[in-house]
Protein backbone atom coordinates (compact mmCIF):
# COMPACT_ATOMS: atom_id res chain seq x y z
CA MET A 1 -18.67 21.20 -3.62
CA ILE A 2 -20.11 20.46 -0.17
CA LEU A 3 -18.46 17.35 1.19
CA ARG A 4 -20.11 14.85 3.48
CA THR A 5 -18.87 11.96 5.58
CA GLN A 6 -20.06 8.40 5.56
CA SER A 7 -22.78 6.98 7.76
CA PHE A 8 -21.62 4.56 10.45
CA PRO A 9 -21.37 1.68 11.03
CA SER A 10 -20.21 1.40 7.44
CA ILE A 11 -19.36 -2.30 7.64
CA HIS A 12 -21.51 -4.98 9.24
CA LEU A 13 -18.84 -6.53 11.44
CA PRO A 14 -18.23 -5.72 15.10
CA ASN A 15 -15.58 -3.53 16.66
CA PRO A 16 -12.89 -5.82 18.17
CA PHE A 17 -12.98 -3.62 21.29
CA THR A 18 -15.89 -4.21 23.66
CA GLN A 19 -18.32 -1.43 24.46
CA THR A 20 -16.91 -1.44 28.00
CA ASP A 21 -13.49 -0.74 26.51
CA MET A 22 -14.82 2.09 24.37
CA VAL A 23 -16.69 3.75 27.22
CA ARG A 24 -13.53 3.60 29.34
CA PHE A 25 -11.46 5.17 26.54
CA PHE A 26 -14.02 7.92 25.91
CA GLY A 27 -14.36 8.61 29.63
CA ARG A 28 -10.62 9.00 30.03
CA ILE A 29 -10.57 11.59 27.23
CA LYS A 30 -13.70 13.36 28.45
CA ASN A 31 -12.47 13.64 32.03
CA ASN A 32 -8.86 14.61 31.31
CA TRP A 33 -8.30 15.99 27.83
CA LEU A 34 -11.56 17.15 26.27
CA PRO A 35 -10.69 20.92 26.19
CA TYR A 36 -7.71 20.16 23.94
CA PHE A 37 -9.92 18.23 21.53
CA ILE A 38 -12.54 21.00 21.50
CA GLN A 39 -9.77 23.50 20.74
CA ALA A 40 -8.35 21.30 17.94
CA ALA A 41 -11.83 20.87 16.44
CA ASP A 42 -12.20 24.65 16.39
CA VAL A 43 -8.76 25.09 14.77
CA THR A 44 -9.22 22.46 12.07
CA GLY A 45 -12.98 22.60 11.47
CA LEU A 46 -13.19 18.83 11.93
CA PRO A 47 -15.93 17.17 13.99
CA LEU A 48 -15.07 16.73 17.65
CA ALA A 49 -16.31 13.13 17.34
CA LEU A 50 -13.67 12.37 14.70
CA LEU A 51 -10.79 13.64 16.81
CA VAL A 52 -11.91 11.86 19.97
CA ALA A 53 -12.54 8.65 18.03
CA LYS A 54 -8.99 8.77 16.68
CA ALA A 55 -7.46 9.16 20.12
CA ALA A 56 -9.73 6.56 21.71
CA VAL A 57 -8.70 3.87 19.23
CA GLU A 58 -5.06 4.88 18.93
CA SER A 59 -4.16 5.37 22.60
CA GLY A 60 -7.22 4.55 24.66
CA GLY A 61 -7.05 8.14 25.85
CA ASN A 62 -3.72 7.43 27.54
CA GLN A 63 -1.20 10.22 27.09
CA LYS A 64 1.73 8.07 28.19
CA THR A 65 3.05 5.47 25.79
CA THR A 66 5.69 2.78 25.71
CA ASN A 67 6.03 3.10 21.93
CA THR A 68 9.13 5.13 21.12
CA SER A 69 8.13 5.85 17.50
CA TYR A 70 4.47 6.90 17.85
CA VAL A 71 3.50 8.79 20.94
CA GLY A 72 0.76 10.37 22.98
CA LEU A 73 -2.98 10.64 22.69
CA MET A 74 -3.01 10.73 18.88
CA GLN A 75 0.00 8.40 18.45
CA VAL A 76 1.93 10.76 16.18
CA GLY A 77 5.44 10.12 14.87
CA LYS A 78 8.36 12.50 14.52
CA MET A 79 7.88 12.81 10.75
CA THR A 80 4.16 13.43 11.21
CA VAL A 81 4.80 16.28 13.63
CA ALA A 82 7.41 17.80 11.31
CA ALA A 83 5.03 17.51 8.34
CA CYS A 84 2.24 19.26 10.26
CA LEU A 85 4.52 22.16 11.16
CA ASP A 86 5.56 22.38 7.50
CA TYR A 87 1.86 22.28 6.52
CA LEU A 88 1.28 25.41 8.61
CA GLN A 89 4.23 27.12 6.89
CA GLY A 90 3.29 26.08 3.35
CA THR A 91 6.34 23.86 2.93
CA MET A 92 4.81 20.40 3.28
CA TYR A 93 5.44 18.01 0.36
CA ALA A 94 3.21 15.01 -0.29
CA ASP A 95 2.35 13.08 -3.44
CA GLY A 96 4.70 15.21 -5.50
CA LYS A 97 3.32 18.63 -4.61
CA LYS A 98 3.54 21.34 -1.99
CA TRP A 99 0.67 21.77 0.46
CA ALA A 100 -0.31 24.67 2.71
CA ALA A 101 -2.93 24.72 5.42
CA PRO A 102 -5.93 27.03 4.89
CA ALA A 103 -5.35 30.56 6.17
CA ALA A 104 -8.04 30.25 8.83
CA ILE A 105 -6.33 27.19 10.30
CA ILE A 106 -2.91 28.86 10.24
CA ALA A 107 -4.28 31.91 12.06
CA LYS A 108 -5.65 29.76 14.90
CA ALA A 109 -2.91 27.14 15.14
CA ILE A 110 0.21 29.30 15.16
CA PRO A 111 -0.56 31.21 18.41
CA ILE A 112 -1.05 27.87 20.19
CA ILE A 113 2.28 26.55 18.96
CA GLN A 114 4.03 29.84 19.79
CA GLN A 115 3.25 29.25 23.46
CA SER A 116 5.91 26.54 23.35
CA PHE A 117 7.97 27.69 20.36
CA PRO A 118 7.82 31.53 20.28
CA ALA A 119 9.74 31.91 17.01
CA PHE A 120 7.42 29.63 15.03
CA GLY A 121 5.54 31.56 12.34
CA LYS A 122 8.00 34.44 12.61
CA GLY A 123 10.68 32.96 10.41
CA GLY A 124 12.01 30.64 13.09
CA LYS A 125 12.22 26.88 12.71
CA VAL A 126 11.25 24.25 15.25
CA GLN A 127 13.74 21.39 15.41
CA PRO A 128 12.02 18.02 14.79
CA ASP A 129 13.53 16.50 17.94
CA ALA A 130 12.23 19.36 20.07
CA ALA A 131 8.75 19.16 18.55
CA PHE A 132 8.61 15.39 19.00
CA ALA A 133 9.83 15.69 22.58
CA LEU A 134 6.93 18.01 23.35
CA ALA A 135 4.43 15.72 21.59
CA LYS A 136 5.44 12.81 23.81
CA SER A 137 5.89 14.69 27.07
CA ALA A 138 3.60 13.85 29.99
CA THR A 139 2.57 17.47 30.50
CA ALA A 140 -0.53 19.50 29.76
CA LYS A 141 1.33 21.35 26.99
CA GLY A 142 2.50 18.04 25.59
CA ALA A 143 -1.06 16.73 25.43
CA GLU A 144 -2.32 19.95 23.84
CA PHE A 145 0.42 19.88 21.20
CA ASN A 146 -0.04 16.17 20.49
CA VAL A 147 -3.77 16.56 19.93
CA LEU A 148 -3.25 19.58 17.70
CA MET A 149 -0.64 17.79 15.55
CA GLY A 150 -2.79 14.69 15.14
CA SER A 151 -5.80 16.83 14.28
CA LEU A 152 -3.88 18.83 11.67
CA TYR A 153 -2.72 15.58 10.10
CA LEU A 154 -6.32 14.37 9.95
CA GLN A 155 -7.44 17.67 8.43
CA PHE A 156 -4.82 17.38 5.70
CA HIS A 157 -6.05 13.93 4.75
CA CYS A 158 -9.71 14.92 4.91
CA GLN A 159 -9.17 17.43 2.10
CA HIS A 160 -6.78 15.28 0.03
CA PRO A 161 -8.47 14.18 -3.24
CA LYS A 162 -7.42 10.53 -2.91
CA PHE A 163 -9.48 10.27 0.27
CA ILE A 164 -12.58 11.82 -1.31
CA ASP A 165 -14.80 9.62 -3.49
CA GLY A 166 -17.35 11.78 -5.30
CA ASP A 167 -18.56 14.12 -2.56
CA VAL A 168 -17.82 11.76 0.33
CA VAL A 169 -14.85 12.12 2.67
CA ARG A 170 -13.77 8.52 3.16
CA LEU A 171 -12.96 8.32 6.83
CA ASP A 172 -12.59 4.56 6.46
CA LYS A 173 -9.76 5.10 3.97
CA ILE A 174 -8.14 7.71 6.20
CA MET A 175 -8.21 5.46 9.26
CA SER A 176 -6.80 2.62 7.17
CA ALA A 177 -4.05 4.89 5.85
CA TYR A 178 -3.04 5.79 9.40
CA ASN A 179 -2.33 2.12 9.96
CA THR A 180 -0.62 1.27 6.67
CA GLY A 181 0.85 4.67 5.79
CA PRO A 182 -0.92 6.97 3.32
CA ASN A 183 1.30 6.52 0.27
CA HIS A 184 -0.01 3.23 -1.11
CA SER A 185 -1.37 3.62 -4.63
CA PHE A 186 -4.55 1.68 -3.87
CA TYR A 187 -5.89 4.60 -1.81
CA LYS A 188 -6.36 6.49 -5.07
CA ILE A 189 -8.89 3.88 -6.26
CA PRO A 190 -12.55 4.78 -5.51
CA VAL A 191 -14.41 2.16 -3.49
CA ALA A 192 -18.14 1.71 -3.08
CA ASP A 193 -18.16 0.95 0.65
CA THR A 194 -16.05 -0.15 3.58
CA ASP A 195 -16.47 -3.82 2.70
CA SER A 196 -14.89 -3.02 -0.67
CA LEU A 197 -12.04 -1.19 1.07
CA VAL A 198 -11.32 -4.19 3.28
CA ASN A 199 -11.38 -6.45 0.21
CA MET A 200 -8.95 -4.11 -1.52
CA ILE A 201 -6.64 -4.25 1.50
CA HIS A 202 -6.72 -8.06 1.41
CA GLN A 203 -5.87 -8.07 -2.30
CA SER A 204 -2.98 -5.63 -1.86
CA ARG A 205 0.72 -6.43 -1.55
CA LEU A 206 0.76 -5.74 2.17
CA SER A 207 2.03 -8.56 4.35
CA VAL A 208 -0.50 -11.04 5.71
CA SER A 209 -0.03 -9.71 9.24
CA LYS A 210 -0.45 -6.08 8.10
CA LYS A 211 -3.62 -6.95 6.19
CA ARG A 212 -5.07 -8.55 9.30
CA GLU A 213 -3.99 -5.67 11.53
CA THR A 214 -5.39 -3.01 9.19
CA SER A 215 -8.70 -4.82 8.79
CA ARG A 216 -9.12 -4.90 12.58
CA HIS A 217 -8.10 -1.25 12.78
CA ILE A 218 -10.83 -0.27 10.30
CA LEU A 219 -13.43 -2.18 12.33
CA LYS A 220 -12.46 -0.31 15.50
CA PHE A 221 -13.65 2.88 13.82
CA CYS A 222 -16.20 1.78 11.24
CA GLY A 223 -17.67 -1.46 12.55
CA GLN A 224 -20.76 -2.02 14.65
CA GLY A 225 -20.10 -0.49 18.06
CA GLY A 226 -17.01 1.18 16.63
CA ALA A 227 -15.79 4.60 17.67
CA PHE A 228 -17.61 6.35 14.80
CA ASP A 229 -20.85 4.47 15.44
CA LEU A 230 -20.84 5.43 19.10
CA LEU A 231 -19.80 9.06 18.68
CA PHE A 232 -21.33 10.16 15.37
CA ASN A 233 -24.64 8.53 16.30
CA ASN A 234 -24.63 10.06 19.81
CA LYS A 235 -24.63 6.69 21.56
CA TYR A 236 -21.96 8.21 23.76
CA ARG A 237 -22.20 11.94 24.53
CA LEU A 238 -18.99 13.89 24.90
CA VAL A 239 -20.61 17.19 25.85
């Protein structure tokens, strides 16, 4: 089956960020980090626009962070980084089964990681603390690794059946899941559109504050003037 993504904006409400904000975020990525996003797009096969949109909303294109749990351009956590490394080694567990990255992704990703962790992919393990330390470091290698880990995590979700409705990869669900965590059972329920997803979030057992936060998070990607609207519709050109 040939999968397709949604058209954006996919909900008729505005992005809480202003267009000035978005242009500043995109410019920061374009001027400082774009080669790492181009590389990650080549490794994962995901659209460059998707990866840049994720970083723009999550970090504003700022590699440094004051958050001790989620760090860097893609705002990845220690468990996320560890899961992505397991994904490349075929030992990642999610939703009761083992997952392995496609061979083409493994072949491209491992040499990049071996620049920092030479034993990886050769039977050697990378300690989670060491991997997380690199992901949050204010270095070029740290930025490269952070972008690659976040992109691998996105790629995993983009091919997970619960984020595919019919032949459509539901980027709105995936962005929502980044905010709430991906393990809620309601993500397995097909939805007709982003409005329906937001309604489902509001009817869920999430806290009132988390419902509000997640709804705003979805709009930052999927709303009018959102990151997907600007990038997928070439209203802002990265290259």
